[in-house]
Amino acid sequence: MKSILEISNFKIIPYIILFVSILFSISGQLLMKYTMSHSDEGLLDWVFLQKLALAVSVYCLGIVNWILALRSVKLSIAYPLTSLNYVGILFGSHYFFNEVITITRIAGVITIFLGILLVVIPLKKSI
């Protein structure tokens, strides 16, 4: 009997790890932006260095998860999925930094998402 996490040779755990990698990457980038936007005291201030260390650590957790995901996920699928970073950064920047989302940016994100679907969704092989 197949596990819920295994459906017809599709293992979901590596993809969960990949999406966790993407979330850590987005979070790390947003934390770096926040840290640099609130660095009034200078680059050698202890509080600034702590915030920067946190941001870089979160980003590094994304890299570790990326490496773990690559053990099982094809690079030709995993790498295009990292384009979801663009989507997360766009909405995160809007939410946390009040950056404007224009119709052009929305069209770009939709284009990226459709491109990801074309790469990731498997097509049946004709015999």
C-alpha atoms as a PDB file:
ATOM      1  CA  MET A   1       0.000   0.000   0.000  1.00  0.00           C
ATOM      2  CA  LYS A   2       1.332   3.387  -0.968  1.00  0.00           C
ATOM      3  CA  SER A   3       1.804   6.113   1.542  1.00  0.00           C
ATOM      4  CA  ILE A   4      -0.244   9.293   1.295  1.00  0.00           C
ATOM      5  CA  LEU A   5       3.046  11.066   0.685  1.00  0.00           C
ATOM      6  CA  GLU A   6       3.839   8.779  -2.278  1.00  0.00           C
ATOM      7  CA  ILE A   7       1.455   8.778  -5.211  1.00  0.00           C
ATOM      8  CA  SER A   8       2.509   6.914  -8.367  1.00  0.00           C
ATOM      9  CA  ASN A   9       6.242   7.454  -7.899  1.00  0.00           C
ATOM     10  CA  PHE A  10       5.706  11.117  -7.034  1.00  0.00           C
ATOM     11  CA  LYS A  11       7.381  11.839  -3.718  1.00  0.00           C
ATOM     12  CA  ILE A  12       6.033  14.978  -2.118  1.00  0.00           C
ATOM     13  CA  ILE A  13       8.557  15.423   0.718  1.00  0.00           C
ATOM     14  CA  PRO A  14      11.357  16.756  -1.556  1.00  0.00           C
ATOM     15  CA  TYR A  15       8.911  19.278  -3.010  1.00  0.00           C
ATOM     16  CA  ILE A  16       7.876  20.377   0.466  1.00  0.00           C
ATOM     17  CA  ILE A  17      11.563  20.862   1.262  1.00  0.00           C
ATOM     18  CA  LEU A  18      11.928  22.843  -1.976  1.00  0.00           C
ATOM     19  CA  PHE A  19       9.010  25.124  -1.098  1.00  0.00           C
ATOM     20  CA  VAL A  20      10.428  25.603   2.411  1.00  0.00           C
ATOM     21  CA  SER A  21      13.661  26.650   0.697  1.00  0.00           C
ATOM     22  CA  ILE A  22      11.732  29.193  -1.359  1.00  0.00           C
ATOM     23  CA  LEU A  23       9.983  30.519   1.759  1.00  0.00           C
ATOM     24  CA  PHE A  24      13.286  30.879   3.619  1.00  0.00           C
ATOM     25  CA  SER A  25      14.796  32.645   0.603  1.00  0.00           C
ATOM     26  CA  ILE A  26      11.909  35.107   0.399  1.00  0.00           C
ATOM     27  CA  SER A  27      11.992  35.692   4.158  1.00  0.00           C
ATOM     28  CA  GLY A  28      15.750  36.194   4.162  1.00  0.00           C
ATOM     29  CA  GLN A  29      15.550  38.741   1.343  1.00  0.00           C
ATOM     30  CA  LEU A  30      12.746  40.656   3.067  1.00  0.00           C
ATOM     31  CA  LEU A  31      14.672  40.629   6.356  1.00  0.00           C
ATOM     32  CA  MET A  32      17.781  41.956   4.578  1.00  0.00           C
ATOM     33  CA  LYS A  33      15.719  44.762   3.074  1.00  0.00           C
ATOM     34  CA  TYR A  34      14.197  45.537   6.475  1.00  0.00           C
ATOM     35  CA  THR A  35      17.628  45.529   8.133  1.00  0.00           C
ATOM     36  CA  MET A  36      19.168  47.830   5.547  1.00  0.00           C
ATOM     37  CA  SER A  37      16.148  50.157   5.592  1.00  0.00           C
ATOM     38  CA  HIS A  38      16.404  50.584   9.360  1.00  0.00           C
ATOM     39  CA  SER A  39      20.154  51.034   9.731  1.00  0.00           C
ATOM     40  CA  ASP A  40      20.272  54.619  10.964  1.00  0.00           C
ATOM     41  CA  GLU A  41      23.058  54.014  13.467  1.00  0.00           C
ATOM     42  CA  GLY A  42      25.567  52.604  10.993  1.00  0.00           C
ATOM     43  CA  LEU A  43      26.888  49.292   9.807  1.00  0.00           C
ATOM     44  CA  LEU A  44      28.899  48.509  12.925  1.00  0.00           C
ATOM     45  CA  ASP A  45      26.082  48.930  15.411  1.00  0.00           C
ATOM     46  CA  TRP A  46      25.496  45.760  17.494  1.00  0.00           C
ATOM     47  CA  VAL A  47      21.721  45.729  16.920  1.00  0.00           C
ATOM     48  CA  PHE A  48      22.243  46.147  13.181  1.00  0.00           C
ATOM     49  CA  LEU A  49      24.723  43.250  13.102  1.00  0.00           C
ATOM     50  CA  GLN A  50      22.265  41.034  14.989  1.00  0.00           C
ATOM     51  CA  LYS A  51      19.460  41.821  12.546  1.00  0.00           C
ATOM     52  CA  LEU A  52      21.762  41.252   9.595  1.00  0.00           C
ATOM     53  CA  ALA A  53      22.976  37.941  11.063  1.00  0.00           C
ATOM     54  CA  LEU A  54      19.366  36.827  11.463  1.00  0.00           C
ATOM     55  CA  ALA A  55      18.552  37.779   7.862  1.00  0.00           C
ATOM     56  CA  VAL A  56      21.587  35.980   6.463  1.00  0.00           C
ATOM     57  CA  SER A  57      20.918  32.934   8.668  1.00  0.00           C
ATOM     58  CA  VAL A  58      17.346  32.663   7.398  1.00  0.00           C
ATOM     59  CA  TYR A  59      18.606  32.985   3.830  1.00  0.00           C
ATOM     60  CA  CYS A  60      21.223  30.281   4.513  1.00  0.00           C
ATOM     61  CA  LEU A  61      18.500  27.958   5.804  1.00  0.00           C
ATOM     62  CA  GLY A  62      16.959  28.355   2.371  1.00  0.00           C
ATOM     63  CA  ILE A  63      20.225  27.269   0.771  1.00  0.00           C
ATOM     64  CA  VAL A  64      20.444  24.214   3.038  1.00  0.00           C
ATOM     65  CA  ASN A  65      16.890  23.219   2.129  1.00  0.00           C
ATOM     66  CA  TRP A  66      17.684  23.826  -1.550  1.00  0.00           C
ATOM     67  CA  ILE A  67      20.618  21.405  -1.345  1.00  0.00           C
ATOM     68  CA  LEU A  68      18.448  18.813   0.399  1.00  0.00           C
ATOM     69  CA  ALA A  69      15.707  19.182  -2.204  1.00  0.00           C
ATOM     70  CA  LEU A  70      18.177  18.673  -5.043  1.00  0.00           C
ATOM     71  CA  ARG A  71      18.866  15.174  -3.755  1.00  0.00           C
ATOM     72  CA  SER A  72      15.503  14.073  -5.165  1.00  0.00           C
ATOM     73  CA  VAL A  73      14.051  16.829  -7.348  1.00  0.00           C
ATOM     74  CA  LYS A  74      15.316  17.232 -10.902  1.00  0.00           C
ATOM     75  CA  LEU A  75      17.250  20.453 -11.337  1.00  0.00           C
ATOM     76  CA  SER A  76      15.298  21.178 -14.511  1.00  0.00           C
ATOM     77  CA  ILE A  77      12.157  21.322 -12.354  1.00  0.00           C
ATOM     78  CA  ALA A  78      13.569  22.721  -9.109  1.00  0.00           C
ATOM     79  CA  TYR A  79      15.316  25.718 -10.626  1.00  0.00           C
ATOM     80  CA  PRO A  80      12.260  27.097 -12.469  1.00  0.00           C
ATOM     81  CA  LEU A  81      10.246  26.693  -9.264  1.00  0.00           C
ATOM     82  CA  THR A  82      12.622  29.109  -7.546  1.00  0.00           C
ATOM     83  CA  SER A  83      11.046  31.767  -9.758  1.00  0.00           C
ATOM     84  CA  LEU A  84       8.304  31.748  -7.158  1.00  0.00           C
ATOM     85  CA  ASN A  85      10.755  33.939  -5.231  1.00  0.00           C
ATOM     86  CA  TYR A  86       9.734  36.774  -7.555  1.00  0.00           C
ATOM     87  CA  VAL A  87       6.105  36.332  -6.604  1.00  0.00           C
ATOM     88  CA  GLY A  88       6.845  36.189  -2.880  1.00  0.00           C
ATOM     89  CA  ILE A  89       9.163  39.186  -2.985  1.00  0.00           C
ATOM     90  CA  LEU A  90       6.608  41.215  -4.951  1.00  0.00           C
ATOM     91  CA  PHE A  91       3.826  40.613  -2.445  1.00  0.00           C
ATOM     92  CA  GLY A  92       6.138  40.772   0.574  1.00  0.00           C
ATOM     93  CA  SER A  93       7.533  44.107  -0.585  1.00  0.00           C
ATOM     94  CA  HIS A  94       4.026  45.430  -1.025  1.00  0.00           C
ATOM     95  CA  TYR A  95       2.864  44.217   2.387  1.00  0.00           C
ATOM     96  CA  PHE A  96       5.929  45.107   4.470  1.00  0.00           C
ATOM     97  CA  PHE A  97       7.417  48.080   2.602  1.00  0.00           C
ATOM     98  CA  ASN A  98       4.346  49.592   0.905  1.00  0.00           C
ATOM     99  CA  GLU A  99       5.842  49.145  -2.543  1.00  0.00           C
ATOM    100  CA  VAL A 100       3.367  49.666  -5.370  1.00  0.00           C
ATOM    101  CA  ILE A 101       2.155  46.680  -7.371  1.00  0.00           C
ATOM    102  CA  THR A 102       1.384  47.895 -10.872  1.00  0.00           C
ATOM    103  CA  ILE A 103      -0.625  46.101 -13.519  1.00  0.00           C
ATOM    104  CA  THR A 104       2.638  45.511 -15.409  1.00  0.00           C
ATOM    105  CA  ARG A 105       4.126  43.735 -12.390  1.00  0.00           C
ATOM    106  CA  ILE A 106       0.974  41.639 -11.991  1.00  0.00           C
ATOM    107  CA  ALA A 107       1.189  40.666 -15.666  1.00  0.00           C
ATOM    108  CA  GLY A 108       4.840  39.731 -15.144  1.00  0.00           C
ATOM    109  CA  VAL A 109       4.039  37.568 -12.129  1.00  0.00           C
ATOM    110  CA  ILE A 110       1.232  35.823 -14.025  1.00  0.00           C
ATOM    111  CA  THR A 111       3.618  35.202 -16.916  1.00  0.00           C
ATOM    112  CA  ILE A 112       6.213  33.754 -14.534  1.00  0.00           C
ATOM    113  CA  PHE A 113       3.584  31.552 -12.889  1.00  0.00           C
ATOM    114  CA  LEU A 114       2.327  30.254 -16.248  1.00  0.00           C
ATOM    115  CA  GLY A 115       5.903  29.560 -17.295  1.00  0.00           C
ATOM    116  CA  ILE A 116       6.481  27.585 -14.099  1.00  0.00           C
ATOM    117  CA  LEU A 117       3.354  25.538 -14.803  1.00  0.00           C
ATOM    118  CA  LEU A 118       4.582  24.747 -18.317  1.00  0.00           C
ATOM    119  CA  VAL A 119       7.902  23.506 -16.957  1.00  0.00           C
ATOM    120  CA  VAL A 120       6.614  21.595 -13.938  1.00  0.00           C
ATOM    121  CA  ILE A 121       3.396  19.928 -15.119  1.00  0.00           C
ATOM    122  CA  PRO A 122       4.340  16.600 -16.659  1.00  0.00           C
ATOM    123  CA  LEU A 123       3.059  15.789 -20.110  1.00  0.00           C
ATOM    124  CA  LYS A 124       2.103  12.267 -21.092  1.00  0.00           C
ATOM    125  CA  LYS A 125       4.680  10.630 -23.307  1.00  0.00           C
ATOM    126  CA  SER A 126       3.309   9.389 -26.604  1.00  0.00           C
ATOM    127  CA  ILE A 127       4.449   5.919 -27.585  1.00  0.00           C
END
